[in-house]
Amino acid sequence: MDADPAVLVPALLQAAGISPSEEEVAVMIAEFPSRAAAIESLYAVAEARYEEPDLVFRATL
């Protein structure tokens, strides 16, 4: 992601209506690049892109 975490994280928190402490925001900003990369890696396996996980519960009556 090309966005600056120092801008993006506070904007996302504000949009969500969340008001964490300054220390918590600083940690979120610092960890944002690695978390964003981890999320992107979930989509890296092209063969699994449209598959459902095994842990899908379907209640049928």
N, C-alpha and C. Protein backbone atom coordinates (compact mmCIF):
# COMPACT_ATOMS: atom_id res chain seq x y z
N MET A 1 0.84 -1.17 0.00
CA MET A 1 0.00 0.00 0.00
C MET A 1 0.89 1.23 0.00
N ASP A 2 0.53 2.21 -0.81
CA ASP A 2 1.36 3.39 -0.97
C ASP A 2 1.00 4.53 -0.03
N ALA A 3 -0.13 4.44 0.65
CA ALA A 3 -0.57 5.52 1.52
C ALA A 3 0.32 5.61 2.75
N ASP A 4 0.48 6.83 3.25
CA ASP A 4 1.28 7.08 4.45
C ASP A 4 0.48 6.61 5.67
N PRO A 5 1.01 5.65 6.44
CA PRO A 5 0.29 5.15 7.61
C PRO A 5 -0.04 6.24 8.62
N ALA A 6 0.80 7.27 8.72
CA ALA A 6 0.56 8.37 9.66
C ALA A 6 -0.67 9.18 9.28
N VAL A 7 -1.08 9.10 8.02
CA VAL A 7 -2.29 9.77 7.56
C VAL A 7 -3.46 8.79 7.51
N LEU A 8 -3.18 7.60 7.01
CA LEU A 8 -4.24 6.61 6.79
C LEU A 8 -4.84 6.08 8.08
N VAL A 9 -4.01 5.71 9.04
CA VAL A 9 -4.51 5.12 10.28
C VAL A 9 -5.45 6.08 11.03
N PRO A 10 -5.06 7.33 11.28
CA PRO A 10 -6.00 8.23 11.94
C PRO A 10 -7.28 8.45 11.14
N ALA A 11 -7.18 8.48 9.81
CA ALA A 11 -8.38 8.65 8.99
C ALA A 11 -9.31 7.45 9.12
N LEU A 12 -8.76 6.25 9.13
CA LEU A 12 -9.58 5.05 9.29
C LEU A 12 -10.23 5.01 10.68
N LEU A 13 -9.47 5.39 11.69
CA LEU A 13 -10.02 5.41 13.05
C LEU A 13 -11.15 6.43 13.17
N GLN A 14 -10.94 7.59 12.57
CA GLN A 14 -11.97 8.63 12.62
C GLN A 14 -13.22 8.17 11.86
N ALA A 15 -13.04 7.55 10.72
CA ALA A 15 -14.18 7.08 9.93
C ALA A 15 -14.96 6.00 10.70
N ALA A 16 -14.25 5.21 11.51
CA ALA A 16 -14.89 4.17 12.30
C ALA A 16 -15.47 4.70 13.60
N GLY A 17 -15.15 5.94 13.92
CA GLY A 17 -15.65 6.53 15.16
C GLY A 17 -14.93 6.02 16.40
N ILE A 18 -13.68 5.63 16.23
CA ILE A 18 -12.89 5.08 17.33
C ILE A 18 -11.88 6.13 17.78
N SER A 19 -11.74 6.29 19.11
CA SER A 19 -10.83 7.30 19.65
C SER A 19 -9.83 6.68 20.63
N PRO A 20 -8.83 5.92 20.11
CA PRO A 20 -7.83 5.34 21.00
C PRO A 20 -6.86 6.41 21.51
N SER A 21 -6.06 6.03 22.49
CA SER A 21 -5.07 6.97 23.04
C SER A 21 -3.98 7.23 22.00
N GLU A 22 -3.20 8.27 22.24
CA GLU A 22 -2.10 8.61 21.32
C GLU A 22 -1.08 7.48 21.24
N GLU A 23 -0.85 6.81 22.37
CA GLU A 23 0.11 5.71 22.39
C GLU A 23 -0.39 4.55 21.52
N GLU A 24 -1.69 4.26 21.62
CA GLU A 24 -2.26 3.18 20.81
C GLU A 24 -2.20 3.52 19.32
N VAL A 25 -2.47 4.76 18.99
CA VAL A 25 -2.41 5.18 17.58
C VAL A 25 -0.98 5.05 17.07
N ALA A 26 -0.01 5.43 17.90
CA ALA A 26 1.40 5.33 17.49
C ALA A 26 1.78 3.89 17.20
N VAL A 27 1.29 2.95 18.01
CA VAL A 27 1.57 1.53 17.79
C VAL A 27 0.90 1.07 16.50
N MET A 28 -0.34 1.49 16.28
CA MET A 28 -1.06 1.11 15.06
C MET A 28 -0.35 1.63 13.81
N ILE A 29 0.14 2.85 13.88
CA ILE A 29 0.87 3.44 12.76
C ILE A 29 2.15 2.66 12.49
N ALA A 30 2.87 2.33 13.57
CA ALA A 30 4.13 1.61 13.42
C ALA A 30 3.92 0.20 12.85
N GLU A 31 2.82 -0.45 13.24
CA GLU A 31 2.57 -1.82 12.81
C GLU A 31 1.79 -1.93 11.51
N PHE A 32 1.27 -0.81 11.02
CA PHE A 32 0.41 -0.85 9.84
C PHE A 32 1.06 -1.50 8.62
N PRO A 33 2.29 -1.14 8.26
CA PRO A 33 2.88 -1.76 7.05
C PRO A 33 2.96 -3.28 7.12
N SER A 34 3.36 -3.82 8.27
CA SER A 34 3.47 -5.28 8.37
C SER A 34 2.09 -5.93 8.39
N ARG A 35 1.12 -5.30 9.01
CA ARG A 35 -0.24 -5.85 9.03
C ARG A 35 -0.86 -5.80 7.63
N ALA A 36 -0.64 -4.71 6.92
CA ALA A 36 -1.17 -4.60 5.55
C ALA A 36 -0.55 -5.67 4.65
N ALA A 37 0.75 -5.90 4.82
CA ALA A 37 1.42 -6.94 4.02
C ALA A 37 0.89 -8.32 4.37
N ALA A 38 0.61 -8.57 5.64
CA ALA A 38 0.06 -9.87 6.04
C ALA A 38 -1.33 -10.08 5.45
N ILE A 39 -2.14 -9.03 5.43
CA ILE A 39 -3.47 -9.14 4.84
C ILE A 39 -3.37 -9.39 3.34
N GLU A 40 -2.49 -8.69 2.67
CA GLU A 40 -2.31 -8.90 1.23
C GLU A 40 -1.84 -10.31 0.93
N SER A 41 -1.03 -10.89 1.82
CA SER A 41 -0.53 -12.25 1.57
C SER A 41 -1.65 -13.28 1.60
N LEU A 42 -2.76 -12.96 2.25
CA LEU A 42 -3.90 -13.88 2.26
C LEU A 42 -4.46 -14.08 0.86
N TYR A 43 -4.28 -13.11 0.00
CA TYR A 43 -4.80 -13.18 -1.37
C TYR A 43 -3.73 -13.60 -2.38
N ALA A 44 -2.57 -13.99 -1.90
CA ALA A 44 -1.45 -14.30 -2.79
C ALA A 44 -1.60 -15.65 -3.50
N VAL A 45 -2.39 -16.55 -2.97
CA VAL A 45 -2.56 -17.87 -3.57
C VAL A 45 -3.73 -17.79 -4.56
N ALA A 46 -3.40 -17.67 -5.82
CA ALA A 46 -4.42 -17.47 -6.84
C ALA A 46 -5.44 -18.60 -6.89
N GLU A 47 -4.97 -19.83 -6.65
CA GLU A 47 -5.87 -20.98 -6.73
C GLU A 47 -6.93 -20.97 -5.63
N ALA A 48 -6.66 -20.29 -4.53
CA ALA A 48 -7.58 -20.28 -3.40
C ALA A 48 -8.43 -19.01 -3.34
N ARG A 49 -8.30 -18.17 -4.32
CA ARG A 49 -8.95 -16.87 -4.27
C ARG A 49 -10.47 -16.97 -4.10
N TYR A 50 -11.11 -17.86 -4.82
CA TYR A 50 -12.56 -17.94 -4.76
C TYR A 50 -13.06 -19.14 -3.97
N GLU A 51 -12.18 -19.81 -3.26
CA GLU A 51 -12.56 -20.96 -2.46
C GLU A 51 -13.04 -20.52 -1.09
N GLU A 52 -13.89 -21.33 -0.49
CA GLU A 52 -14.35 -21.06 0.87
C GLU A 52 -13.47 -21.85 1.84
N PRO A 53 -13.25 -21.31 3.02
CA PRO A 53 -12.48 -22.05 4.01
C PRO A 53 -13.26 -23.28 4.48
N ASP A 54 -12.58 -24.23 5.07
CA ASP A 54 -13.23 -25.43 5.55
C ASP A 54 -14.16 -25.17 6.74
N LEU A 55 -13.96 -24.07 7.40
CA LEU A 55 -14.74 -23.80 8.61
C LEU A 55 -15.96 -22.93 8.34
N VAL A 56 -16.73 -23.31 7.35
CA VAL A 56 -17.95 -22.59 7.04
C VAL A 56 -19.12 -23.40 7.58
N PHE A 57 -19.92 -22.79 8.43
CA PHE A 57 -21.06 -23.46 9.02
C PHE A 57 -22.31 -23.13 8.21
N ARG A 58 -22.99 -24.16 7.77
CA ARG A 58 -24.25 -23.96 7.03
C ARG A 58 -25.35 -24.68 7.80
N ALA A 59 -26.24 -23.93 8.36
CA ALA A 59 -27.35 -24.53 9.09
C ALA A 59 -28.48 -24.82 8.13
N THR A 60 -28.82 -26.06 8.01
CA THR A 60 -29.94 -26.44 7.16
C THR A 60 -30.98 -27.10 8.02
N LEU A 61 -32.21 -26.71 7.83
CA LEU A 61 -33.30 -27.28 8.61
C LEU A 61 -34.15 -28.18 7.77
